Protein backbone atom coordinates (compact mmCIF):
# COMPACT_ATOMS: atom_id res chain seq x y z
CA MET A 1 94.45 104.63 128.74
CA CYS A 2 94.51 102.00 131.32
CA ILE A 3 96.74 98.92 131.12
CA GLN A 4 93.85 96.70 130.29
CA CYS A 5 92.84 98.69 127.47
CA SER A 6 96.40 99.49 126.07
CA GLY A 7 97.00 95.43 126.23
CA ILE A 8 93.84 94.94 124.32
CA HIS A 9 94.88 97.47 121.87
CA ARG A 10 98.43 96.09 121.40
CA SER A 11 96.75 92.79 120.77
CA LEU A 12 94.91 94.06 117.68
CA GLY A 13 98.23 94.46 116.01
CA VAL A 14 99.96 97.89 114.85
CA HIS A 15 98.03 97.76 111.70
CA VAL A 16 95.02 98.40 113.65
CA SER A 17 96.02 100.27 116.77
CA LYS A 18 99.64 101.80 117.84
CA VAL A 19 99.99 102.04 121.54
CA ARG A 20 102.92 103.94 123.11
CA SER A 21 103.68 104.11 126.83
CA LEU A 22 105.24 107.13 128.27
CA THR A 23 107.59 105.02 130.58
CA LEU A 24 108.11 101.84 128.59
CA ASP A 25 108.48 102.93 124.83
CA LEU A 26 111.22 104.72 123.15
CA TRP A 27 109.47 107.94 121.54
CA GLU A 28 111.08 109.51 118.31
CA LEU A 29 111.67 113.21 118.85
CA GLU A 30 109.26 113.80 115.64
CA ASN A 31 106.36 111.90 117.39
CA ILE A 32 107.06 113.81 120.64
CA LYS A 33 106.79 117.16 118.86
CA ILE A 34 103.58 115.97 116.94
CA MET A 35 101.96 114.98 120.05
CA GLU A 36 102.71 118.15 121.93
CA SER A 37 101.81 120.43 119.15
CA ILE A 38 98.54 118.47 118.92
CA GLY A 39 97.56 118.24 122.64
CA ASN A 40 95.27 115.88 124.33
CA LYS A 41 92.01 117.28 123.34
CA LYS A 42 92.57 117.27 119.73
CA SER A 43 94.32 113.90 119.65
CA LYS A 44 91.27 112.60 121.37
CA GLU A 45 89.10 114.16 118.71
CA ILE A 46 91.07 112.78 115.86
CA TYR A 47 91.46 109.31 117.31
CA GLU A 48 87.97 108.99 118.50
CA GLY A 49 86.41 111.24 115.67
CA ASN A 50 85.11 108.03 113.74
CA ILE A 51 83.51 106.23 116.90
CA GLU A 52 79.62 106.23 117.16
CA PRO A 53 78.48 108.08 120.27
CA LYS A 54 76.77 104.95 121.56
CA TYR A 55 80.22 103.26 121.58
CA LYS A 56 82.05 106.04 123.53
CA ASN A 57 82.91 106.45 127.29
CA ASN A 58 83.67 102.69 128.24
CA ARG A 59 80.28 101.18 128.10
CA SER A 60 80.23 99.12 131.22
CA ASP A 61 77.41 96.69 129.75
CA LEU A 62 80.24 95.27 127.33
CA PRO A 63 83.40 93.51 128.11
CA ARG A 64 86.35 96.01 127.10
CA GLU A 65 87.74 93.71 124.53
CA GLU A 66 84.31 93.56 122.58
CA MET A 67 83.90 97.36 123.22
CA LEU A 68 87.27 97.94 121.74
CA ARG A 69 86.89 95.66 118.64
CA LEU A 70 83.90 97.50 117.50
């Protein structure tokens, strides 16, 4: 996720979206193990599973913030 999108996600509040940086945040060992066991492909399927296909892959016709709030 790019820095602009992560900033927008953070502004939504942790009750909506929780962003963790690999370099700026501290990770609990349990969370590291979960992410390692799931992997990127499965994580994307989980986190993007309820997004309508028309909203996937950064629609360039919408401002980022509007797209992320859909």
